[in-house]
Amino acid sequence: MSGMCSNEIVHRAFQPNGSLELVVFQRDCGATTGYSYQLSILKQGLESNRSGNVFISTKAFQAEWTGHSSVAVTGDASDALKRKDRYRGIRILYNKS
């Protein structure tokens, strides 16, 4: 039910030489669910009120492009609610901080 949820963007970064961007955001779906930190990879300029399509965690994290087809997520991913290692040909690397 994305209509009851709101996303507050924490960080955006454009893909080197590409048409995608990574978006790290805090998602709040009301008092009964609390908030989470999420990562989506989207077409540049696309806005979304959906949940993260790559990574969802209850703990804050950082994400950056490390090349045209790789993203590094840094933080504690031990409580990940969703964790993909690949998304649309992009390799997702997880590093503990």
PDB file of N, CA and C in Angstrom:
ATOM      1  N   MET A   1       0.837  -1.185   0.000  1.00  0.00           N
ATOM      2  CA  MET A   1       0.000   0.000   0.000  1.00  0.00           C
ATOM      3  C   MET A   1       0.874   1.238   0.000  1.00  0.00           C
ATOM      4  N   SER A   2       1.404   1.607  -1.131  1.00  0.00           N
ATOM      5  CA  SER A   2       2.329   2.728  -1.210  1.00  0.00           C
ATOM      6  C   SER A   2       1.649   4.070  -0.998  1.00  0.00           C
ATOM      7  N   GLY A   3       0.312   4.166  -1.122  1.00  0.00           N
ATOM      8  CA  GLY A   3      -0.385   5.429  -0.946  1.00  0.00           C
ATOM      9  C   GLY A   3      -0.298   5.962   0.463  1.00  0.00           C
ATOM     10  N   MET A   4      -0.105   5.088   1.455  1.00  0.00           N
ATOM     11  CA  MET A   4      -0.010   5.505   2.844  1.00  0.00           C
ATOM     12  C   MET A   4       1.429   5.782   3.242  1.00  0.00           C
ATOM     13  N   CYS A   5       2.364   5.507   2.383  1.00  0.00           N
ATOM     14  CA  CYS A   5       3.783   5.628   2.688  1.00  0.00           C
ATOM     15  C   CYS A   5       4.374   6.882   2.051  1.00  0.00           C
ATOM     16  N   SER A   6       5.457   7.349   2.651  1.00  0.00           N
ATOM     17  CA  SER A   6       6.189   8.469   2.058  1.00  0.00           C
ATOM     18  C   SER A   6       7.677   8.137   2.048  1.00  0.00           C
ATOM     19  N   ASN A   7       8.364   8.643   1.042  1.00  0.00           N
ATOM     20  CA  ASN A   7       9.801   8.433   0.886  1.00  0.00           C
ATOM     21  C   ASN A   7      10.518   9.761   1.027  1.00  0.00           C
ATOM     22  N   GLU A   8      11.531   9.804   1.886  1.00  0.00           N
ATOM     23  CA  GLU A   8      12.384  10.984   2.026  1.00  0.00           C
ATOM     24  C   GLU A   8      13.765  10.626   1.496  1.00  0.00           C
ATOM     25  N   ILE A   9      14.167  11.271   0.409  1.00  0.00           N
ATOM     26  CA  ILE A   9      15.438  10.952  -0.235  1.00  0.00           C
ATOM     27  C   ILE A   9      16.602  11.389   0.648  1.00  0.00           C
ATOM     28  N   VAL A  10      17.528  10.462   0.850  1.00  0.00           N
ATOM     29  CA  VAL A  10      18.733  10.699   1.637  1.00  0.00           C
ATOM     30  C   VAL A  10      19.904  11.001   0.711  1.00  0.00           C
ATOM     31  N   HIS A  11      19.973  10.277  -0.423  1.00  0.00           N
ATOM     32  CA  HIS A  11      21.119  10.420  -1.337  1.00  0.00           C
ATOM     33  C   HIS A  11      20.726   9.923  -2.729  1.00  0.00           C
ATOM     34  N   ARG A  12      21.206  10.627  -3.749  1.00  0.00           N
ATOM     35  CA  ARG A  12      21.033  10.219  -5.152  1.00  0.00           C
ATOM     36  C   ARG A  12      22.395  10.282  -5.820  1.00  0.00           C
ATOM     37  N   ALA A  13      22.629   9.375  -6.761  1.00  0.00           N
ATOM     38  CA  ALA A  13      23.875   9.407  -7.526  1.00  0.00           C
ATOM     39  C   ALA A  13      23.613   8.839  -8.918  1.00  0.00           C
ATOM     40  N   PHE A  14      24.091   9.546  -9.934  1.00  0.00           N
ATOM     41  CA  PHE A  14      23.914   9.119 -11.322  1.00  0.00           C
ATOM     42  C   PHE A  14      24.943   8.055 -11.695  1.00  0.00           C
ATOM     43  N   GLN A  15      24.513   7.116 -12.501  1.00  0.00           N
ATOM     44  CA  GLN A  15      25.374   6.059 -13.021  1.00  0.00           C
ATOM     45  C   GLN A  15      26.443   6.677 -13.921  1.00  0.00           C
ATOM     46  N   PRO A  16      27.715   6.320 -13.723  1.00  0.00           N
ATOM     47  CA  PRO A  16      28.754   6.830 -14.624  1.00  0.00           C
ATOM     48  C   PRO A  16      28.464   6.389 -16.067  1.00  0.00           C
ATOM     49  N   ASN A  17      28.404   7.327 -16.972  1.00  0.00           N
ATOM     50  CA  ASN A  17      28.173   7.045 -18.395  1.00  0.00           C
ATOM     51  C   ASN A  17      26.933   6.186 -18.634  1.00  0.00           C
ATOM     52  N   GLY A  18      25.871   6.460 -17.913  1.00  0.00           N
ATOM     53  CA  GLY A  18      24.674   5.645 -18.075  1.00  0.00           C
ATOM     54  C   GLY A  18      23.397   6.424 -17.842  1.00  0.00           C
ATOM     55  N   SER A  19      22.286   5.725 -17.869  1.00  0.00           N
ATOM     56  CA  SER A  19      20.982   6.377 -17.772  1.00  0.00           C
ATOM     57  C   SER A  19      20.245   6.038 -16.481  1.00  0.00           C
ATOM     58  N   LEU A  20      20.942   5.419 -15.539  1.00  0.00           N
ATOM     59  CA  LEU A  20      20.318   5.041 -14.284  1.00  0.00           C
ATOM     60  C   LEU A  20      20.813   5.925 -13.144  1.00  0.00           C
ATOM     61  N   GLU A  21      20.135   5.846 -12.014  1.00  0.00           N
ATOM     62  CA  GLU A  21      20.614   6.492 -10.798  1.00  0.00           C
ATOM     63  C   GLU A  21      20.241   5.623  -9.618  1.00  0.00           C
ATOM     64  N   LEU A  22      21.066   5.705  -8.580  1.00  0.00           N
ATOM     65  CA  LEU A  22      20.708   5.026  -7.353  1.00  0.00           C
ATOM     66  C   LEU A  22      20.089   6.052  -6.424  1.00  0.00           C
ATOM     67  N   VAL A  23      19.096   5.617  -5.672  1.00  0.00           N
ATOM     68  CA  VAL A  23      18.389   6.489  -4.753  1.00  0.00           C
ATOM     69  C   VAL A  23      18.296   5.774  -3.406  1.00  0.00           C
ATOM     70  N   VAL A  24      18.910   6.385  -2.386  1.00  0.00           N
ATOM     71  CA  VAL A  24      18.803   5.901  -1.020  1.00  0.00           C
ATOM     72  C   VAL A  24      17.757   6.775  -0.344  1.00  0.00           C
ATOM     73  N   PHE A  25      16.796   6.133   0.317  1.00  0.00           N
ATOM     74  CA  PHE A  25      15.730   6.915   0.940  1.00  0.00           C
ATOM     75  C   PHE A  25      15.245   6.258   2.221  1.00  0.00           C
ATOM     76  N   GLN A  26      14.624   7.096   3.046  1.00  0.00           N
ATOM     77  CA  GLN A  26      13.982   6.611   4.258  1.00  0.00           C
ATOM     78  C   GLN A  26      12.496   6.508   3.950  1.00  0.00           C
ATOM     79  N   ARG A  27      11.919   5.345   4.209  1.00  0.00           N
ATOM     80  CA  ARG A  27      10.508   5.099   3.899  1.00  0.00           C
ATOM     81  C   ARG A  27       9.724   5.004   5.204  1.00  0.00           C
ATOM     82  N   ASP A  28       8.638   5.773   5.279  1.00  0.00           N
ATOM     83  CA  ASP A  28       7.779   5.798   6.460  1.00  0.00           C
ATOM     84  C   ASP A  28       6.368   5.434   6.034  1.00  0.00           C
ATOM     85  N   CYS A  29       5.852   4.364   6.611  1.00  0.00           N
ATOM     86  CA  CYS A  29       4.498   3.907   6.268  1.00  0.00           C
ATOM     87  C   CYS A  29       3.547   4.008   7.453  1.00  0.00           C
ATOM     88  N   GLY A  30       3.831   4.922   8.365  1.00  0.00           N
ATOM     89  CA  GLY A  30       2.923   5.165   9.472  1.00  0.00           C
ATOM     90  C   GLY A  30       3.371   4.530  10.772  1.00  0.00           C
ATOM     91  N   ALA A  31       2.634   4.844  11.811  1.00  0.00           N
ATOM     92  CA  ALA A  31       2.990   4.448  13.172  1.00  0.00           C
ATOM     93  C   ALA A  31       3.019   2.939  13.377  1.00  0.00           C
ATOM     94  N   THR A  32       2.227   2.204  12.649  1.00  0.00           N
ATOM     95  CA  THR A  32       2.168   0.752  12.886  1.00  0.00           C
ATOM     96  C   THR A  32       3.339  -0.001  12.277  1.00  0.00           C
ATOM     97  N   THR A  33       4.057   0.599  11.337  1.00  0.00           N
ATOM     98  CA  THR A  33       5.171  -0.100  10.694  1.00  0.00           C
ATOM     99  C   THR A  33       6.521   0.553  10.934  1.00  0.00           C
ATOM    100  N   GLY A  34       6.562   1.770  11.381  1.00  0.00           N
ATOM    101  CA  GLY A  34       7.843   2.449  11.558  1.00  0.00           C
ATOM    102  C   GLY A  34       8.465   2.806  10.220  1.00  0.00           C
ATOM    103  N   TYR A  35       9.762   3.104  10.236  1.00  0.00           N
ATOM    104  CA  TYR A  35      10.430   3.480   8.994  1.00  0.00           C
ATOM    105  C   TYR A  35      11.585   2.537   8.711  1.00  0.00           C
ATOM    106  N   SER A  36      12.052   2.571   7.470  1.00  0.00           N
ATOM    107  CA  SER A  36      13.181   1.758   7.047  1.00  0.00           C
ATOM    108  C   SER A  36      14.018   2.560   6.062  1.00  0.00           C
ATOM    109  N   TYR A  37      15.226   2.076   5.824  1.00  0.00           N
ATOM    110  CA  TYR A  37      16.127   2.683   4.850  1.00  0.00           C
ATOM    111  C   TYR A  37      16.154   1.776   3.638  1.00  0.00           C
ATOM    112  N   GLN A  38      16.075   2.371   2.445  1.00  0.00           N
ATOM    113  CA  GLN A  38      15.917   1.565   1.245  1.00  0.00           C
ATOM    114  C   GLN A  38      16.765   2.102   0.101  1.00  0.00           C
ATOM    115  N   LEU A  39      17.039   1.210  -0.857  1.00  0.00           N
ATOM    116  CA  LEU A  39      17.821   1.549  -2.049  1.00  0.00           C
ATOM    117  C   LEU A  39      17.058   1.082  -3.276  1.00  0.00           C
ATOM    118  N   SER A  40      16.915   1.990  -4.226  1.00  0.00           N
ATOM    119  CA  SER A  40      16.351   1.649  -5.535  1.00  0.00           C
ATOM    120  C   SER A  40      17.311   2.094  -6.615  1.00  0.00           C
ATOM    121  N   ILE A  41      17.316   1.365  -7.715  1.00  0.00           N
ATOM    122  CA  ILE A  41      17.994   1.798  -8.933  1.00  0.00           C
ATOM    123  C   ILE A  41      16.896   2.082  -9.938  1.00  0.00           C
ATOM    124  N   LEU A  42      16.873   3.315 -10.424  1.00  0.00           N
ATOM    125  CA  LEU A  42      15.805   3.799 -11.305  1.00  0.00           C
ATOM    126  C   LEU A  42      16.395   4.473 -12.532  1.00  0.00           C
ATOM    127  N   LYS A  43      15.574   4.673 -13.549  1.00  0.00           N
ATOM    128  CA  LYS A  43      15.972   5.522 -14.671  1.00  0.00           C
ATOM    129  C   LYS A  43      16.142   6.933 -14.138  1.00  0.00           C
ATOM    130  N   GLN A  44      17.152   7.644 -14.635  1.00  0.00           N
ATOM    131  CA  GLN A  44      17.416   9.005 -14.161  1.00  0.00           C
ATOM    132  C   GLN A  44      16.165   9.865 -14.247  1.00  0.00           C
ATOM    133  N   GLY A  45      15.888  10.579 -13.158  1.00  0.00           N
ATOM    134  CA  GLY A  45      14.771  11.507 -13.121  1.00  0.00           C
ATOM    135  C   GLY A  45      13.435  10.891 -12.759  1.00  0.00           C
ATOM    136  N   LEU A  46      13.364   9.563 -12.685  1.00  0.00           N
ATOM    137  CA  LEU A  46      12.105   8.899 -12.351  1.00  0.00           C
ATOM    138  C   LEU A  46      11.853   9.014 -10.853  1.00  0.00           C
ATOM    139  N   GLU A  47      10.682   9.452 -10.488  1.00  0.00           N
ATOM    140  CA  GLU A  47      10.290   9.535  -9.082  1.00  0.00           C
ATOM    141  C   GLU A  47       9.407   8.332  -8.767  1.00  0.00           C
ATOM    142  N   SER A  48       9.540   7.788  -7.576  1.00  0.00           N
ATOM    143  CA  SER A  48       8.764   6.616  -7.199  1.00  0.00           C
ATOM    144  C   SER A  48       8.379   6.696  -5.732  1.00  0.00           C
ATOM    145  N   ASN A  49       7.177   6.284  -5.416  1.00  0.00           N
ATOM    146  CA  ASN A  49       6.753   6.170  -4.023  1.00  0.00           C
ATOM    147  C   ASN A  49       6.660   4.697  -3.627  1.00  0.00           C
ATOM    148  N   ARG A  50       7.336   3.840  -4.360  1.00  0.00           N
ATOM    149  CA  ARG A  50       7.344   2.409  -4.066  1.00  0.00           C
ATOM    150  C   ARG A  50       8.485   2.068  -3.114  1.00  0.00           C
ATOM    151  N   SER A  51       8.452   0.851  -2.624  1.00  0.00           N
ATOM    152  CA  SER A  51       9.534   0.397  -1.761  1.00  0.00           C
ATOM    153  C   SER A  51      10.790   0.141  -2.593  1.00  0.00           C
ATOM    154  N   GLY A  52      11.919   0.017  -1.918  1.00  0.00           N
ATOM    155  CA  GLY A  52      13.195  -0.175  -2.593  1.00  0.00           C
ATOM    156  C   GLY A  52      13.234  -1.439  -3.428  1.00  0.00           C
ATOM    157  N   ASN A  53      13.800  -1.352  -4.617  1.00  0.00           N
ATOM    158  CA  ASN A  53      13.842  -2.517  -5.498  1.00  0.00           C
ATOM    159  C   ASN A  53      15.151  -3.304  -5.382  1.00  0.00           C
ATOM    160  N   VAL A  54      16.095  -2.823  -4.556  1.00  0.00           N
ATOM    161  CA  VAL A  54      17.380  -3.507  -4.412  1.00  0.00           C
ATOM    162  C   VAL A  54      17.660  -3.925  -2.970  1.00  0.00           C
ATOM    163  N   PHE A  55      17.468  -2.992  -2.023  1.00  0.00           N
ATOM    164  CA  PHE A  55      17.881  -3.258  -0.640  1.00  0.00           C
ATOM    165  C   PHE A  55      16.955  -2.529   0.318  1.00  0.00           C
ATOM    166  N   ILE A  56      16.572  -3.222   1.403  1.00  0.00           N
ATOM    167  CA  ILE A  56      15.746  -2.631   2.460  1.00  0.00           C
ATOM    168  C   ILE A  56      16.327  -3.065   3.798  1.00  0.00           C
ATOM    169  N   SER A  57      16.508  -2.102   4.705  1.00  0.00           N
ATOM    170  CA  SER A  57      17.097  -2.374   6.008  1.00  0.00           C
ATOM    171  C   SER A  57      16.470  -1.476   7.065  1.00  0.00           C
ATOM    172  N   THR A  58      16.536  -1.904   8.305  1.00  0.00           N
ATOM    173  CA  THR A  58      16.075  -1.039   9.395  1.00  0.00           C
ATOM    174  C   THR A  58      17.203  -0.125   9.868  1.00  0.00           C
ATOM    175  N   LYS A  59      18.410  -0.342   9.349  1.00  0.00           N
ATOM    176  CA  LYS A  59      19.571   0.466   9.729  1.00  0.00           C
ATOM    177  C   LYS A  59      20.026   1.325   8.559  1.00  0.00           C
ATOM    178  N   ALA A  60      20.525   2.512   8.873  1.00  0.00           N
ATOM    179  CA  ALA A  60      21.027   3.420   7.839  1.00  0.00           C
ATOM    180  C   ALA A  60      22.261   2.812   7.161  1.00  0.00           C
ATOM    181  N   PHE A  61      22.466   3.174   5.902  1.00  0.00           N
ATOM    182  CA  PHE A  61      23.603   2.683   5.125  1.00  0.00           C
ATOM    183  C   PHE A  61      23.942   3.720   4.068  1.00  0.00           C
ATOM    184  N   GLN A  62      25.051   3.511   3.383  1.00  0.00           N
ATOM    185  CA  GLN A  62      25.463   4.371   2.277  1.00  0.00           C
ATOM    186  C   GLN A  62      25.577   3.522   1.021  1.00  0.00           C
ATOM    187  N   ALA A  63      25.354   4.146  -0.126  1.00  0.00           N
ATOM    188  CA  ALA A  63      25.500   3.443  -1.406  1.00  0.00           C
ATOM    189  C   ALA A  63      26.113   4.392  -2.423  1.00  0.00           C
ATOM    190  N   GLU A  64      27.016   3.863  -3.236  1.00  0.00           N
ATOM    191  CA  GLU A  64      27.697   4.637  -4.276  1.00  0.00           C
ATOM    192  C   GLU A  64      27.972   3.744  -5.472  1.00  0.00           C
ATOM    193  N   TRP A  65      27.995   4.358  -6.648  1.00  0.00           N
ATOM    194  CA  TRP A  65      28.449   3.653  -7.851  1.00  0.00           C
ATOM    195  C   TRP A  65      29.947   3.438  -7.716  1.00  0.00           C
ATOM    196  N   THR A  66      30.416   2.238  -8.026  1.00  0.00           N
ATOM    197  CA  THR A  66      31.856   1.971  -8.042  1.00  0.00           C
ATOM    198  C   THR A  66      32.339   1.734  -9.465  1.00  0.00           C
ATOM    199  N   GLY A  67      31.449   1.853 -10.408  1.00  0.00           N
ATOM    200  CA  GLY A  67      31.728   1.689 -11.819  1.00  0.00           C
ATOM    201  C   GLY A  67      30.407   1.752 -12.567  1.00  0.00           C
ATOM    202  N   HIS A  68      30.464   1.570 -13.873  1.00  0.00           N
ATOM    203  CA  HIS A  68      29.254   1.648 -14.694  1.00  0.00           C
ATOM    204  C   HIS A  68      28.231   0.577 -14.317  1.00  0.00           C
ATOM    205  N   SER A  69      28.700  -0.595 -13.900  1.00  0.00           N
ATOM    206  CA  SER A  69      27.777  -1.695 -13.625  1.00  0.00           C
ATOM    207  C   SER A  69      27.948  -2.293 -12.229  1.00  0.00           C
ATOM    208  N   SER A  70      28.371  -1.454 -11.265  1.00  0.00           N
ATOM    209  CA  SER A  70      28.483  -1.951  -9.894  1.00  0.00           C
ATOM    210  C   SER A  70      28.196  -0.846  -8.881  1.00  0.00           C
ATOM    211  N   VAL A  71      27.572  -1.262  -7.790  1.00  0.00           N
ATOM    212  CA  VAL A  71      27.209  -0.367  -6.691  1.00  0.00           C
ATOM    213  C   VAL A  71      27.720  -0.993  -5.399  1.00  0.00           C
ATOM    214  N   ALA A  72      28.306  -0.175  -4.524  1.00  0.00           N
ATOM    215  CA  ALA A  72      28.739  -0.638  -3.207  1.00  0.00           C
ATOM    216  C   ALA A  72      27.781  -0.098  -2.158  1.00  0.00           C
ATOM    217  N   VAL A  73      27.281  -0.994  -1.318  1.00  0.00           N
ATOM    218  CA  VAL A  73      26.438  -0.641  -0.179  1.00  0.00           C
ATOM    219  C   VAL A  73      27.284  -0.860   1.061  1.00  0.00           C
ATOM    220  N   THR A  74      27.435   0.189   1.872  1.00  0.00           N
ATOM    221  CA  THR A  74      28.263   0.113   3.065  1.00  0.00           C
ATOM    222  C   THR A  74      27.402   0.324   4.299  1.00  0.00           C
ATOM    223  N   GLY A  75      27.502  -0.608   5.222  1.00  0.00           N
ATOM    224  CA  GLY A  75      26.739  -0.560   6.460  1.00  0.00           C
ATOM    225  C   GLY A  75      26.501  -1.967   6.954  1.00  0.00           C
ATOM    226  N   ASP A  76      25.719  -2.089   7.999  1.00  0.00           N
ATOM    227  CA  ASP A  76      25.406  -3.396   8.575  1.00  0.00           C
ATOM    228  C   ASP A  76      24.176  -3.953   7.879  1.00  0.00           C
ATOM    229  N   ALA A  77      24.367  -4.958   7.036  1.00  0.00           N
ATOM    230  CA  ALA A  77      23.265  -5.547   6.270  1.00  0.00           C
ATOM    231  C   ALA A  77      22.712  -6.806   6.935  1.00  0.00           C
ATOM    232  N   SER A  78      23.070  -7.039   8.190  1.00  0.00           N
ATOM    233  CA  SER A  78      22.653  -8.268   8.864  1.00  0.00           C
ATOM    234  C   SER A  78      21.147  -8.352   9.089  1.00  0.00           C
ATOM    235  N   ASP A  79      20.475  -7.220   9.124  1.00  0.00           N
ATOM    236  CA  ASP A  79      19.027  -7.218   9.345  1.00  0.00           C
ATOM    237  C   ASP A  79      18.248  -6.915   8.065  1.00  0.00           C
ATOM    238  N   ALA A  80      18.864  -7.134   6.924  1.00  0.00           N
ATOM    239  CA  ALA A  80      18.229  -6.792   5.648  1.00  0.00           C
ATOM    240  C   ALA A  80      16.886  -7.486   5.485  1.00  0.00           C
ATOM    241  N   LEU A  81      15.894  -6.713   5.096  1.00  0.00           N
ATOM    242  CA  LEU A  81      14.569  -7.239   4.806  1.00  0.00           C
ATOM    243  C   LEU A  81      14.468  -7.646   3.347  1.00  0.00           C
ATOM    244  N   LYS A  82      15.302  -7.042   2.513  1.00  0.00           N
ATOM    245  CA  LYS A  82      15.430  -7.381   1.088  1.00  0.00           C
ATOM    246  C   LYS A  82      16.874  -7.099   0.710  1.00  0.00           C
ATOM    247  N   ARG A  83      17.464  -8.017  -0.035  1.00  0.00           N
ATOM    248  CA  ARG A  83      18.868  -7.847  -0.424  1.00  0.00           C
ATOM    249  C   ARG A  83      19.111  -8.580  -1.734  1.00  0.00           C
ATOM    250  N   LYS A  84      19.297  -7.811  -2.805  1.00  0.00           N
ATOM    251  CA  LYS A  84      19.608  -8.403  -4.107  1.00  0.00           C
ATOM    252  C   LYS A  84      21.090  -8.223  -4.392  1.00  0.00           C
ATOM    253  N   ASP A  85      21.679  -9.221  -5.026  1.00  0.00           N
ATOM    254  CA  ASP A  85      23.086  -9.144  -5.418  1.00  0.00           C
ATOM    255  C   ASP A  85      23.255  -8.628  -6.844  1.00  0.00           C
ATOM    256  N   ARG A  86      22.166  -8.640  -7.615  1.00  0.00           N
ATOM    257  CA  ARG A  86      22.170  -8.117  -8.986  1.00  0.00           C
ATOM    258  C   ARG A  86      20.819  -7.490  -9.251  1.00  0.00           C
ATOM    259  N   TYR A  87      20.848  -6.418 -10.046  1.00  0.00           N
ATOM    260  CA  TYR A  87      19.603  -5.784 -10.463  1.00  0.00           C
ATOM    261  C   TYR A  87      19.822  -5.166 -11.836  1.00  0.00           C
ATOM    262  N   ARG A  88      19.086  -5.634 -12.832  1.00  0.00           N
ATOM    263  CA  ARG A  88      19.188  -5.134 -14.211  1.00  0.00           C
ATOM    264  C   ARG A  88      20.631  -5.061 -14.702  1.00  0.00           C
ATOM    265  N   GLY A  89      21.390  -6.085 -14.431  1.00  0.00           N
ATOM    266  CA  GLY A  89      22.780  -6.144 -14.872  1.00  0.00           C
ATOM    267  C   GLY A  89      23.759  -5.391 -13.993  1.00  0.00           C
ATOM    268  N   ILE A  90      23.281  -4.773 -12.927  1.00  0.00           N
ATOM    269  CA  ILE A  90      24.145  -4.044 -11.989  1.00  0.00           C
ATOM    270  C   ILE A  90      24.492  -4.990 -10.841  1.00  0.00           C
ATOM    271  N   ARG A  91      25.768  -5.123 -10.562  1.00  0.00           N
ATOM    272  CA  ARG A  91      26.220  -5.955  -9.449  1.00  0.00           C
ATOM    273  C   ARG A  91      26.202  -5.122  -8.167  1.00  0.00           C
ATOM    274  N   ILE A  92      25.613  -5.673  -7.113  1.00  0.00           N
ATOM    275  CA  ILE A  92      25.516  -4.980  -5.831  1.00  0.00           C
ATOM    276  C   ILE A  92      26.469  -5.651  -4.854  1.00  0.00           C
ATOM    277  N   LEU A  93      27.416  -4.887  -4.346  1.00  0.00           N
ATOM    278  CA  LEU A  93      28.418  -5.395  -3.396  1.00  0.00           C
ATOM    279  C   LEU A  93      28.100  -4.845  -2.018  1.00  0.00           C
ATOM    280  N   TYR A  94      28.148  -5.695  -1.005  1.00  0.00           N
ATOM    281  CA  TYR A  94      27.841  -5.278   0.363  1.00  0.00           C
ATOM    282  C   TYR A  94      29.108  -5.289   1.199  1.00  0.00           C
ATOM    283  N   ASN A  95      29.412  -4.156   1.801  1.00  0.00           N
ATOM    284  CA  ASN A  95      30.602  -3.995   2.638  1.00  0.00           C
ATOM    285  C   ASN A  95      30.164  -3.610   4.040  1.00  0.00           C
ATOM    286  N   LYS A  96      30.684  -4.282   5.023  1.00  0.00           N
ATOM    287  CA  LYS A  96      30.369  -3.942   6.404  1.00  0.00           C
ATOM    288  C   LYS A  96      31.207  -2.717   6.798  1.00  0.00           C
ATOM    289  N   SER A  97      30.576  -1.764   7.443  1.00  0.00           N
ATOM    290  CA  SER A  97      31.314  -0.542   7.836  1.00  0.00           C
ATOM    291  C   SER A  97      32.086  -0.738   9.113  1.00  0.00           C
TER     292      SER A  97
END
